[in-house]
Amino acid sequence: EYDFVIIGGGSAGGVLANRLSEVGNWTVLLLEAGGPETPQAQIPLL
């Protein structure tokens, strides 16, 4: 069980999950269909 379920780990979803998790007694689940970024994704030029 979670207090909030956020669908999408993009920029907005990540910020929203972070802000909601600042409240100590709230639990937040952030769901993302994709996986972690690849090493190439860390270089804006690529």
PDB file of all heavy atoms in Angstrom:
ATOM      1  N   GLU A   1       0.835  -1.195   0.000  1.00  0.00           N
ATOM      2  CA  GLU A   1       0.000   0.000   0.000  1.00  0.00           C
ATOM      3  C   GLU A   1       0.873   1.249   0.000  1.00  0.00           C
ATOM      4  O   GLU A   1       1.933   1.275   0.640  1.00  0.00           O
ATOM      5  CB  GLU A   1      -0.859  -0.033   1.269  1.00  0.00           C
ATOM      6  CG  GLU A   1      -2.022   0.895   1.267  1.00  0.00           C
ATOM      7  CD  GLU A   1      -2.886   0.666   2.497  1.00  0.00           C
ATOM      8  OE1 GLU A   1      -3.490  -0.418   2.602  1.00  0.00           O
ATOM      9  OE2 GLU A   1      -2.931   1.574   3.342  1.00  0.00           O
ATOM     10  N   TYR A   2       0.417   2.290  -0.724  1.00  0.00           N
ATOM     11  CA  TYR A   2       1.143   3.558  -0.797  1.00  0.00           C
ATOM     12  C   TYR A   2       0.149   4.700  -0.688  1.00  0.00           C
ATOM     13  O   TYR A   2      -1.009   4.574  -1.090  1.00  0.00           O
ATOM     14  CB  TYR A   2       1.903   3.694  -2.120  1.00  0.00           C
ATOM     15  CG  TYR A   2       3.074   2.749  -2.221  1.00  0.00           C
ATOM     16  CD1 TYR A   2       2.913   1.470  -2.730  1.00  0.00           C
ATOM     17  CD2 TYR A   2       4.327   3.134  -1.791  1.00  0.00           C
ATOM     18  CE1 TYR A   2       3.974   0.596  -2.808  1.00  0.00           C
ATOM     19  CE2 TYR A   2       5.395   2.260  -1.854  1.00  0.00           C
ATOM     20  CZ  TYR A   2       5.216   1.003  -2.372  1.00  0.00           C
ATOM     21  OH  TYR A   2       6.275   0.142  -2.433  1.00  0.00           O
ATOM     22  N   ASP A   3       0.606   5.827  -0.166  1.00  0.00           N
ATOM     23  CA  ASP A   3      -0.235   7.023  -0.120  1.00  0.00           C
ATOM     24  C   ASP A   3      -0.381   7.634  -1.506  1.00  0.00           C
ATOM     25  O   ASP A   3      -1.434   8.169  -1.850  1.00  0.00           O
ATOM     26  CB  ASP A   3       0.357   8.060   0.843  1.00  0.00           C
ATOM     27  CG  ASP A   3       0.342   7.575   2.272  1.00  0.00           C
ATOM     28  OD1 ASP A   3      -0.726   7.138   2.744  1.00  0.00           O
ATOM     29  OD2 ASP A   3       1.410   7.612   2.919  1.00  0.00           O
ATOM     30  N   PHE A   4       0.682   7.593  -2.300  1.00  0.00           N
ATOM     31  CA  PHE A   4       0.672   8.157  -3.641  1.00  0.00           C
ATOM     32  C   PHE A   4       1.372   7.207  -4.597  1.00  0.00           C
ATOM     33  O   PHE A   4       2.427   6.665  -4.278  1.00  0.00           O
ATOM     34  CB  PHE A   4       1.409   9.510  -3.676  1.00  0.00           C
ATOM     35  CG  PHE A   4       0.800  10.544  -2.788  1.00  0.00           C
ATOM     36  CD1 PHE A   4       1.266  10.722  -1.499  1.00  0.00           C
ATOM     37  CD2 PHE A   4      -0.240  11.338  -3.242  1.00  0.00           C
ATOM     38  CE1 PHE A   4       0.707  11.678  -0.676  1.00  0.00           C
ATOM     39  CE2 PHE A   4      -0.808  12.290  -2.419  1.00  0.00           C
ATOM     40  CZ  PHE A   4      -0.331  12.467  -1.129  1.00  0.00           C
ATOM     41  N   VAL A   5       0.794   7.036  -5.778  1.00  0.00           N
ATOM     42  CA  VAL A   5       1.418   6.267  -6.847  1.00  0.00           C
ATOM     43  C   VAL A   5       1.551   7.211  -8.038  1.00  0.00           C
ATOM     44  O   VAL A   5       0.558   7.767  -8.512  1.00  0.00           O
ATOM     45  CB  VAL A   5       0.591   5.028  -7.245  1.00  0.00           C
ATOM     46  CG1 VAL A   5       1.234   4.296  -8.410  1.00  0.00           C
ATOM     47  CG2 VAL A   5       0.440   4.100  -6.041  1.00  0.00           C
ATOM     48  N   ILE A   6       2.764   7.404  -8.481  1.00  0.00           N
ATOM     49  CA  ILE A   6       3.038   8.311  -9.598  1.00  0.00           C
ATOM     50  C   ILE A   6       3.466   7.464 -10.784  1.00  0.00           C
ATOM     51  O   ILE A   6       4.379   6.649 -10.676  1.00  0.00           O
ATOM     52  CB  ILE A   6       4.127   9.328  -9.224  1.00  0.00           C
ATOM     53  CG1 ILE A   6       3.643  10.154  -8.031  1.00  0.00           C
ATOM     54  CG2 ILE A   6       4.484  10.210 -10.410  1.00  0.00           C
ATOM     55  CD1 ILE A   6       4.712  10.958  -7.365  1.00  0.00           C
ATOM     56  N   ILE A   7       2.788   7.662 -11.899  1.00  0.00           N
ATOM     57  CA  ILE A   7       3.084   6.903 -13.110  1.00  0.00           C
ATOM     58  C   ILE A   7       3.962   7.778 -14.004  1.00  0.00           C
ATOM     59  O   ILE A   7       3.544   8.833 -14.452  1.00  0.00           O
ATOM     60  CB  ILE A   7       1.796   6.526 -13.877  1.00  0.00           C
ATOM     61  CG1 ILE A   7       0.764   5.883 -12.952  1.00  0.00           C
ATOM     62  CG2 ILE A   7       2.137   5.652 -15.062  1.00  0.00           C
ATOM     63  CD1 ILE A   7       1.203   4.587 -12.326  1.00  0.00           C
ATOM     64  N   GLY A   8       5.169   7.338 -14.248  1.00  0.00           N
ATOM     65  CA  GLY A   8       6.086   8.060 -15.120  1.00  0.00           C
ATOM     66  C   GLY A   8       7.223   8.688 -14.333  1.00  0.00           C
ATOM     67  O   GLY A   8       7.010   9.570 -13.508  1.00  0.00           O
ATOM     68  N   GLY A   9       8.430   8.183 -14.564  1.00  0.00           N
ATOM     69  CA  GLY A   9       9.612   8.676 -13.858  1.00  0.00           C
ATOM     70  C   GLY A   9      10.366   9.726 -14.639  1.00  0.00           C
ATOM     71  O   GLY A   9      11.589   9.764 -14.597  1.00  0.00           O
ATOM     72  N   GLY A  10       9.639  10.565 -15.375  1.00  0.00           N
ATOM     73  CA  GLY A  10      10.275  11.653 -16.107  1.00  0.00           C
ATOM     74  C   GLY A  10      10.564  12.824 -15.190  1.00  0.00           C
ATOM     75  O   GLY A  10      10.518  12.712 -13.953  1.00  0.00           O
ATOM     76  N   SER A  11      10.841  13.963 -15.781  1.00  0.00           N
ATOM     77  CA  SER A  11      11.195  15.150 -15.003  1.00  0.00           C
ATOM     78  C   SER A  11      10.107  15.517 -14.002  1.00  0.00           C
ATOM     79  O   SER A  11      10.379  15.712 -12.822  1.00  0.00           O
ATOM     80  CB  SER A  11      11.460  16.333 -15.935  1.00  0.00           C
ATOM     81  OG  SER A  11      12.505  16.032 -16.824  1.00  0.00           O
ATOM     82  N   ALA A  12       8.866  15.601 -14.463  1.00  0.00           N
ATOM     83  CA  ALA A  12       7.770  15.994 -13.569  1.00  0.00           C
ATOM     84  C   ALA A  12       7.491  14.918 -12.529  1.00  0.00           C
ATOM     85  O   ALA A  12       7.321  15.222 -11.341  1.00  0.00           O
ATOM     86  CB  ALA A  12       6.518  16.292 -14.382  1.00  0.00           C
ATOM     87  N   GLY A  13       7.447  13.660 -12.953  1.00  0.00           N
ATOM     88  CA  GLY A  13       7.182  12.569 -12.013  1.00  0.00           C
ATOM     89  C   GLY A  13       8.245  12.459 -10.945  1.00  0.00           C
ATOM     90  O   GLY A  13       7.949  12.231  -9.771  1.00  0.00           O
ATOM     91  N   GLY A  14       9.495  12.642 -11.342  1.00  0.00           N
ATOM     92  CA  GLY A  14      10.593  12.587 -10.378  1.00  0.00           C
ATOM     93  C   GLY A  14      10.525  13.701  -9.355  1.00  0.00           C
ATOM     94  O   GLY A  14      10.711  13.481  -8.156  1.00  0.00           O
ATOM     95  N   VAL A  15      10.232  14.910  -9.815  1.00  0.00           N
ATOM     96  CA  VAL A  15      10.121  16.053  -8.898  1.00  0.00           C
ATOM     97  C   VAL A  15       8.931  15.869  -7.970  1.00  0.00           C
ATOM     98  O   VAL A  15       9.022  16.092  -6.757  1.00  0.00           O
ATOM     99  CB  VAL A  15      10.007  17.383  -9.680  1.00  0.00           C
ATOM    100  CG1 VAL A  15       9.635  18.530  -8.767  1.00  0.00           C
ATOM    101  CG2 VAL A  15      11.311  17.679 -10.408  1.00  0.00           C
ATOM    102  N   LEU A  16       7.800  15.438  -8.521  1.00  0.00           N
ATOM    103  CA  LEU A  16       6.603  15.230  -7.709  1.00  0.00           C
ATOM    104  C   LEU A  16       6.843  14.164  -6.643  1.00  0.00           C
ATOM    105  O   LEU A  16       6.505  14.358  -5.468  1.00  0.00           O
ATOM    106  CB  LEU A  16       5.430  14.845  -8.610  1.00  0.00           C
ATOM    107  CG  LEU A  16       4.081  14.657  -7.928  1.00  0.00           C
ATOM    108  CD1 LEU A  16       3.644  15.919  -7.197  1.00  0.00           C
ATOM    109  CD2 LEU A  16       3.042  14.244  -8.952  1.00  0.00           C
ATOM    110  N   ALA A  17       7.448  13.051  -7.033  1.00  0.00           N
ATOM    111  CA  ALA A  17       7.736  11.989  -6.061  1.00  0.00           C
ATOM    112  C   ALA A  17       8.674  12.489  -4.978  1.00  0.00           C
ATOM    113  O   ALA A  17       8.487  12.186  -3.788  1.00  0.00           O
ATOM    114  CB  ALA A  17       8.344  10.778  -6.772  1.00  0.00           C
ATOM    115  N   ASN A  18       9.680  13.247  -5.365  1.00  0.00           N
ATOM    116  CA  ASN A  18      10.621  13.787  -4.386  1.00  0.00           C
ATOM    117  C   ASN A  18       9.920  14.723  -3.404  1.00  0.00           C
ATOM    118  O   ASN A  18      10.117  14.614  -2.182  1.00  0.00           O
ATOM    119  CB  ASN A  18      11.760  14.523  -5.098  1.00  0.00           C
ATOM    120  CG  ASN A  18      12.775  15.053  -4.120  1.00  0.00           C
ATOM    121  OD1 ASN A  18      13.311  14.315  -3.304  1.00  0.00           O
ATOM    122  ND2 ASN A  18      13.036  16.347  -4.196  1.00  0.00           N
ATOM    123  N   ARG A  19       9.110  15.633  -3.903  1.00  0.00           N
ATOM    124  CA  ARG A  19       8.424  16.587  -3.023  1.00  0.00           C
ATOM    125  C   ARG A  19       7.451  15.885  -2.081  1.00  0.00           C
ATOM    126  O   ARG A  19       7.380  16.208  -0.895  1.00  0.00           O
ATOM    127  CB  ARG A  19       7.691  17.640  -3.855  1.00  0.00           C
ATOM    128  CG  ARG A  19       8.590  18.560  -4.667  1.00  0.00           C
ATOM    129  CD  ARG A  19       9.493  19.434  -3.799  1.00  0.00           C
ATOM    130  NE  ARG A  19       8.807  20.312  -2.913  1.00  0.00           N
ATOM    131  CZ  ARG A  19       8.445  21.565  -3.180  1.00  0.00           C
ATOM    132  NH1 ARG A  19       8.729  22.083  -4.341  1.00  0.00           N
ATOM    133  NH2 ARG A  19       7.819  22.291  -2.285  1.00  0.00           N
ATOM    134  N   LEU A  20       6.694  14.914  -2.607  1.00  0.00           N
ATOM    135  CA  LEU A  20       5.740  14.194  -1.754  1.00  0.00           C
ATOM    136  C   LEU A  20       6.465  13.367  -0.698  1.00  0.00           C
ATOM    137  O   LEU A  20       5.986  13.229   0.433  1.00  0.00           O
ATOM    138  CB  LEU A  20       4.838  13.298  -2.594  1.00  0.00           C
ATOM    139  CG  LEU A  20       3.819  14.022  -3.477  1.00  0.00           C
ATOM    140  CD1 LEU A  20       3.144  13.030  -4.420  1.00  0.00           C
ATOM    141  CD2 LEU A  20       2.785  14.749  -2.631  1.00  0.00           C
ATOM    142  N   SER A  21       7.614  12.817  -1.033  1.00  0.00           N
ATOM    143  CA  SER A  21       8.343  11.976  -0.078  1.00  0.00           C
ATOM    144  C   SER A  21       9.000  12.794   1.035  1.00  0.00           C
ATOM    145  O   SER A  21       9.475  12.227   2.009  1.00  0.00           O
ATOM    146  CB  SER A  21       9.394  11.133  -0.806  1.00  0.00           C
ATOM    147  OG  SER A  21      10.425  11.949  -1.319  1.00  0.00           O
ATOM    148  N   GLU A  22       8.992  14.116   0.903  1.00  0.00           N
ATOM    149  CA  GLU A  22       9.549  14.961   1.959  1.00  0.00           C
ATOM    150  C   GLU A  22       8.683  14.937   3.217  1.00  0.00           C
ATOM    151  O   GLU A  22       9.154  15.261   4.300  1.00  0.00           O
ATOM    152  CB  GLU A  22       9.716  16.397   1.462  1.00  0.00           C
ATOM    153  CG  GLU A  22      10.819  16.544   0.427  1.00  0.00           C
ATOM    154  CD  GLU A  22      10.891  17.942  -0.165  1.00  0.00           C
ATOM    155  OE1 GLU A  22      10.033  18.794   0.157  1.00  0.00           O
ATOM    156  OE2 GLU A  22      11.808  18.173  -0.966  1.00  0.00           O
ATOM    157  N   VAL A  23       7.419  14.575   3.071  1.00  0.00           N
ATOM    158  CA  VAL A  23       6.535  14.445   4.230  1.00  0.00           C
ATOM    159  C   VAL A  23       6.814  13.074   4.843  1.00  0.00           C
ATOM    160  O   VAL A  23       6.595  12.043   4.201  1.00  0.00           O
ATOM    161  CB  VAL A  23       5.053  14.589   3.831  1.00  0.00           C
ATOM    162  CG1 VAL A  23       4.153  14.396   5.050  1.00  0.00           C
ATOM    163  CG2 VAL A  23       4.811  15.939   3.178  1.00  0.00           C
ATOM    164  N   GLY A  24       7.328  13.080   6.056  1.00  0.00           N
ATOM    165  CA  GLY A  24       7.857  11.876   6.682  1.00  0.00           C
ATOM    166  C   GLY A  24       6.945  10.680   6.751  1.00  0.00           C
ATOM    167  O   GLY A  24       7.387   9.546   6.615  1.00  0.00           O
ATOM    168  N   ASN A  25       5.652  10.868   6.944  1.00  0.00           N
ATOM    169  CA  ASN A  25       4.773   9.710   7.108  1.00  0.00           C
ATOM    170  C   ASN A  25       4.043   9.328   5.817  1.00  0.00           C
ATOM    171  O   ASN A  25       3.179   8.471   5.838  1.00  0.00           O
ATOM    172  CB  ASN A  25       3.758   9.956   8.233  1.00  0.00           C
ATOM    173  CG  ASN A  25       2.887  11.158   7.966  1.00  0.00           C
ATOM    174  OD1 ASN A  25       3.204  12.005   7.132  1.00  0.00           O
ATOM    175  ND2 ASN A  25       1.784  11.262   8.693  1.00  0.00           N
ATOM    176  N   TRP A  26       4.372   9.943   4.696  1.00  0.00           N
ATOM    177  CA  TRP A  26       3.781   9.576   3.407  1.00  0.00           C
ATOM    178  C   TRP A  26       4.670   8.571   2.690  1.00  0.00           C
ATOM    179  O   TRP A  26       5.895   8.673   2.716  1.00  0.00           O
ATOM    180  CB  TRP A  26       3.610  10.795   2.511  1.00  0.00           C
ATOM    181  CG  TRP A  26       2.473  11.694   2.906  1.00  0.00           C
ATOM    182  CD1 TRP A  26       1.542  11.495   3.878  1.00  0.00           C
ATOM    183  CD2 TRP A  26       2.172  12.960   2.322  1.00  0.00           C
ATOM    184  NE1 TRP A  26       0.677  12.554   3.944  1.00  0.00           N
ATOM    185  CE2 TRP A  26       1.036  13.474   2.989  1.00  0.00           C
ATOM    186  CE3 TRP A  26       2.739  13.709   1.311  1.00  0.00           C
ATOM    187  CZ2 TRP A  26       0.467  14.686   2.672  1.00  0.00           C
ATOM    188  CZ3 TRP A  26       2.164  14.928   0.998  1.00  0.00           C
ATOM    189  CH2 TRP A  26       1.039  15.407   1.668  1.00  0.00           C
ATOM    190  N   THR A  27       4.044   7.610   2.036  1.00  0.00           N
ATOM    191  CA  THR A  27       4.798   6.666   1.213  1.00  0.00           C
ATOM    192  C   THR A  27       4.452   6.933  -0.244  1.00  0.00           C
ATOM    193  O   THR A  27       3.300   7.188  -0.585  1.00  0.00           O
ATOM    194  CB  THR A  27       4.465   5.209   1.573  1.00  0.00           C
ATOM    195  OG1 THR A  27       3.051   5.004   1.460  1.00  0.00           O
ATOM    196  CG2 THR A  27       4.933   4.887   2.990  1.00  0.00           C
ATOM    197  N   VAL A  28       5.468   6.872  -1.085  1.00  0.00           N
ATOM    198  CA  VAL A  28       5.315   7.216  -2.501  1.00  0.00           C
ATOM    199  C   VAL A  28       5.922   6.109  -3.351  1.00  0.00           C
ATOM    200  O   VAL A  28       7.031   5.655  -3.085  1.00  0.00           O
ATOM    201  CB  VAL A  28       6.024   8.561  -2.816  1.00  0.00           C
ATOM    202  CG1 VAL A  28       5.854   8.924  -4.280  1.00  0.00           C
ATOM    203  CG2 VAL A  28       5.514   9.668  -1.911  1.00  0.00           C
ATOM    204  N   LEU A  29       5.181   5.688  -4.360  1.00  0.00           N
ATOM    205  CA  LEU A  29       5.689   4.721  -5.326  1.00  0.00           C
ATOM    206  C   LEU A  29       5.766   5.418  -6.672  1.00  0.00           C
ATOM    207  O   LEU A  29       4.779   5.971  -7.159  1.00  0.00           O
ATOM    208  CB  LEU A  29       4.755   3.509  -5.422  1.00  0.00           C
ATOM    209  CG  LEU A  29       5.099   2.479  -6.503  1.00  0.00           C
ATOM    210  CD1 LEU A  29       6.463   1.834  -6.220  1.00  0.00           C
ATOM    211  CD2 LEU A  29       4.005   1.426  -6.602  1.00  0.00           C
ATOM    212  N   LEU A  30       6.940   5.410  -7.278  1.00  0.00           N
ATOM    213  CA  LEU A  30       7.154   5.989  -8.598  1.00  0.00           C
ATOM    214  C   LEU A  30       7.356   4.848  -9.588  1.00  0.00           C
ATOM    215  O   LEU A  30       8.283   4.055  -9.443  1.00  0.00           O
ATOM    216  CB  LEU A  30       8.385   6.904  -8.581  1.00  0.00           C
ATOM    217  CG  LEU A  30       8.809   7.514  -9.910  1.00  0.00           C
ATOM    218  CD1 LEU A  30       7.729   8.428 -10.456  1.00  0.00           C
ATOM    219  CD2 LEU A  30      10.111   8.287  -9.722  1.00  0.00           C
ATOM    220  N   LEU A  31       6.471   4.735 -10.572  1.00  0.00           N
ATOM    221  CA  LEU A  31       6.546   3.666 -11.566  1.00  0.00           C
ATOM    222  C   LEU A  31       7.009   4.227 -12.905  1.00  0.00           C
ATOM    223  O   LEU A  31       6.516   5.254 -13.353  1.00  0.00           O
ATOM    224  CB  LEU A  31       5.171   3.010 -11.755  1.00  0.00           C
ATOM    225  CG  LEU A  31       4.583   2.312 -10.538  1.00  0.00           C
ATOM    226  CD1 LEU A  31       3.167   1.836 -10.836  1.00  0.00           C
ATOM    227  CD2 LEU A  31       5.456   1.140 -10.129  1.00  0.00           C
ATOM    228  N   GLU A  32       7.943   3.535 -13.525  1.00  0.00           N
ATOM    229  CA  GLU A  32       8.462   3.921 -14.837  1.00  0.00           C
ATOM    230  C   GLU A  32       8.542   2.676 -15.700  1.00  0.00           C
ATOM    231  O   GLU A  32       9.101   1.659 -15.279  1.00  0.00           O
ATOM    232  CB  GLU A  32       9.837   4.570 -14.698  1.00  0.00           C
ATOM    233  CG  GLU A  32      10.584   4.787 -15.986  1.00  0.00           C
ATOM    234  CD  GLU A  32       9.841   5.654 -16.978  1.00  0.00           C
ATOM    235  OE1 GLU A  32       9.346   6.737 -16.602  1.00  0.00           O
ATOM    236  OE2 GLU A  32       9.732   5.237 -18.150  1.00  0.00           O
ATOM    237  N   ALA A  33       7.984   2.731 -16.910  1.00  0.00           N
ATOM    238  CA  ALA A  33       7.987   1.573 -17.810  1.00  0.00           C
ATOM    239  C   ALA A  33       9.384   1.270 -18.321  1.00  0.00           C
ATOM    240  O   ALA A  33       9.723   0.121 -18.569  1.00  0.00           O
ATOM    241  CB  ALA A  33       7.044   1.816 -18.990  1.00  0.00           C
ATOM    242  N   GLY A  34      10.203   2.288 -18.498  1.00  0.00           N
ATOM    243  CA  GLY A  34      11.559   2.082 -18.988  1.00  0.00           C
ATOM    244  C   GLY A  34      12.502   1.769 -17.843  1.00  0.00           C
ATOM    245  O   GLY A  34      12.128   1.783 -16.671  1.00  0.00           O
ATOM    246  N   GLY A  35      13.720   1.510 -18.195  1.00  0.00           N
ATOM    247  CA  GLY A  35      14.731   1.204 -17.196  1.00  0.00           C
ATOM    248  C   GLY A  35      15.612   2.401 -16.900  1.00  0.00           C
ATOM    249  O   GLY A  35      15.270   3.536 -17.220  1.00  0.00           O
ATOM    250  N   PRO A  36      16.759   2.141 -16.297  1.00  0.00           N
ATOM    251  CA  PRO A  36      17.690   3.232 -16.011  1.00  0.00           C
ATOM    252  C   PRO A  36      18.340   3.718 -17.305  1.00  0.00           C
ATOM    253  O   PRO A  36      18.370   3.008 -18.310  1.00  0.00           O
ATOM    254  CB  PRO A  36      18.725   2.589 -15.081  1.00  0.00           C
ATOM    255  CG  PRO A  36      18.655   1.129 -15.395  1.00  0.00           C
ATOM    256  CD  PRO A  36      17.246   0.851 -15.818  1.00  0.00           C
ATOM    257  N   GLU A  37      18.836   4.932 -17.263  1.00  0.00           N
ATOM    258  CA  GLU A  37      19.483   5.474 -18.459  1.00  0.00           C
ATOM    259  C   GLU A  37      20.782   4.739 -18.753  1.00  0.00           C
ATOM    260  O   GLU A  37      21.399   4.177 -17.853  1.00  0.00           O
ATOM    261  CB  GLU A  37      19.715   6.970 -18.318  1.00  0.00           C
ATOM    262  CG  GLU A  37      20.636   7.359 -17.202  1.00  0.00           C
ATOM    263  CD  GLU A  37      20.764   8.862 -17.056  1.00  0.00           C
ATOM    264  OE1 GLU A  37      19.813   9.584 -17.359  1.00  0.00           O
ATOM    265  OE2 GLU A  37      21.833   9.303 -16.627  1.00  0.00           O
ATOM    266  N   THR A  38      21.165   4.746 -19.990  1.00  0.00           N
ATOM    267  CA  THR A  38      22.409   4.116 -20.421  1.00  0.00           C
ATOM    268  C   THR A  38      23.561   5.096 -20.228  1.00  0.00           C
ATOM    269  O   THR A  38      23.332   6.295 -20.047  1.00  0.00           O
ATOM    270  CB  THR A  38      22.318   3.730 -21.908  1.00  0.00           C
ATOM    271  OG1 THR A  38      22.144   4.919 -22.676  1.00  0.00           O
ATOM    272  CG2 THR A  38      21.166   2.770 -22.157  1.00  0.00           C
ATOM    273  N   PRO A  39      24.791   4.627 -20.264  1.00  0.00           N
ATOM    274  CA  PRO A  39      25.921   5.560 -20.138  1.00  0.00           C
ATOM    275  C   PRO A  39      25.902   6.664 -21.204  1.00  0.00           C
ATOM    276  O   PRO A  39      26.225   7.803 -20.911  1.00  0.00           O
ATOM    277  CB  PRO A  39      27.150   4.661 -20.302  1.00  0.00           C
ATOM    278  CG  PRO A  39      26.685   3.317 -19.852  1.00  0.00           C
ATOM    279  CD  PRO A  39      25.254   3.233 -20.273  1.00  0.00           C
ATOM    280  N   GLN A  40      25.475   6.334 -22.430  1.00  0.00           N
ATOM    281  CA  GLN A  40      25.413   7.344 -23.476  1.00  0.00           C
ATOM    282  C   GLN A  40      24.419   8.447 -23.134  1.00  0.00           C
ATOM    283  O   GLN A  40      24.582   9.589 -23.557  1.00  0.00           O
ATOM    284  CB  GLN A  40      25.017   6.711 -24.823  1.00  0.00           C
ATOM    285  CG  GLN A  40      26.005   5.747 -25.369  1.00  0.00           C
ATOM    286  CD  GLN A  40      25.829   4.330 -24.810  1.00  0.00           C
ATOM    287  OE1 GLN A  40      25.079   4.095 -23.867  1.00  0.00           O
ATOM    288  NE2 GLN A  40      26.540   3.387 -25.389  1.00  0.00           N
ATOM    289  N   ALA A  41      23.391   8.120 -22.371  1.00  0.00           N
ATOM    290  CA  ALA A  41      22.362   9.092 -22.016  1.00  0.00           C
ATOM    291  C   ALA A  41      22.894  10.170 -21.081  1.00  0.00           C
ATOM    292  O   ALA A  41      22.262  11.204 -20.906  1.00  0.00           O
ATOM    293  CB  ALA A  41      21.173   8.383 -21.381  1.00  0.00           C
ATOM    294  N   GLN A  42      24.039   9.949 -20.481  1.00  0.00           N
ATOM    295  CA  GLN A  42      24.605  10.934 -19.572  1.00  0.00           C
ATOM    296  C   GLN A  42      25.401  12.004 -20.298  1.00  0.00           C
ATOM    297  O   GLN A  42      25.897  12.931 -19.670  1.00  0.00           O
ATOM    298  CB  GLN A  42      25.464  10.224 -18.526  1.00  0.00           C
ATOM    299  CG  GLN A  42      24.650   9.279 -17.671  1.00  0.00           C
ATOM    300  CD  GLN A  42      25.501   8.527 -16.670  1.00  0.00           C
ATOM    301  OE1 GLN A  42      26.648   8.855 -16.422  1.00  0.00           O
ATOM    302  NE2 GLN A  42      24.929   7.495 -16.077  1.00  0.00           N
ATOM    303  N   ILE A  43      25.515  11.880 -21.617  1.00  0.00           N
ATOM    304  CA  ILE A  43      26.245  12.862 -22.419  1.00  0.00           C
ATOM    305  C   ILE A  43      25.253  13.554 -23.344  1.00  0.00           C
ATOM    306  O   ILE A  43      24.777  12.956 -24.310  1.00  0.00           O
ATOM    307  CB  ILE A  43      27.352  12.180 -23.254  1.00  0.00           C
ATOM    308  CG1 ILE A  43      28.274  11.388 -22.339  1.00  0.00           C
ATOM    309  CG2 ILE A  43      28.123  13.211 -24.066  1.00  0.00           C
ATOM    310  CD1 ILE A  43      29.268  10.522 -23.069  1.00  0.00           C
ATOM    311  N   PRO A  44      24.889  14.808 -23.074  1.00  0.00           N
ATOM    312  CA  PRO A  44      23.877  15.488 -23.891  1.00  0.00           C
ATOM    313  C   PRO A  44      24.201  15.479 -25.386  1.00  0.00           C
ATOM    314  O   PRO A  44      23.300  15.379 -26.215  1.00  0.00           O
ATOM    315  CB  PRO A  44      23.863  16.910 -23.335  1.00  0.00           C
ATOM    316  CG  PRO A  44      24.324  16.764 -21.930  1.00  0.00           C
ATOM    317  CD  PRO A  44      25.328  15.641 -21.961  1.00  0.00           C
ATOM    318  N   LEU A  45      25.459  15.520 -25.754  1.00  0.00           N
ATOM    319  CA  LEU A  45      25.856  15.523 -27.158  1.00  0.00           C
ATOM    320  C   LEU A  45      25.383  14.268 -27.889  1.00  0.00           C
ATOM    321  O   LEU A  45      25.122  14.294 -29.086  1.00  0.00           O
ATOM    322  CB  LEU A  45      27.388  15.636 -27.259  1.00  0.00           C
ATOM    323  CG  LEU A  45      27.990  15.590 -28.656  1.00  0.00           C
ATOM    324  CD1 LEU A  45      27.574  16.826 -29.440  1.00  0.00           C
ATOM    325  CD2 LEU A  45      29.507  15.517 -28.574  1.00  0.00           C
ATOM    326  N   LEU A  46      25.221  13.170 -27.177  1.00  0.00           N
ATOM    327  CA  LEU A  46      24.835  11.905 -27.793  1.00  0.00           C
ATOM    328  C   LEU A  46      23.326  11.664 -27.771  1.00  0.00           C
ATOM    329  O   LEU A  46      22.862  10.591 -28.169  1.00  0.00           O
ATOM    330  CB  LEU A  46      25.547  10.739 -27.095  1.00  0.00           C
ATOM    331  CG  LEU A  46      27.073  10.772 -27.128  1.00  0.00           C
ATOM    332  CD1 LEU A  46      27.645   9.594 -26.374  1.00  0.00           C
ATOM    333  CD2 LEU A  46      27.573  10.797 -28.568  1.00  0.00           C
TER     334      LEU A  46
END
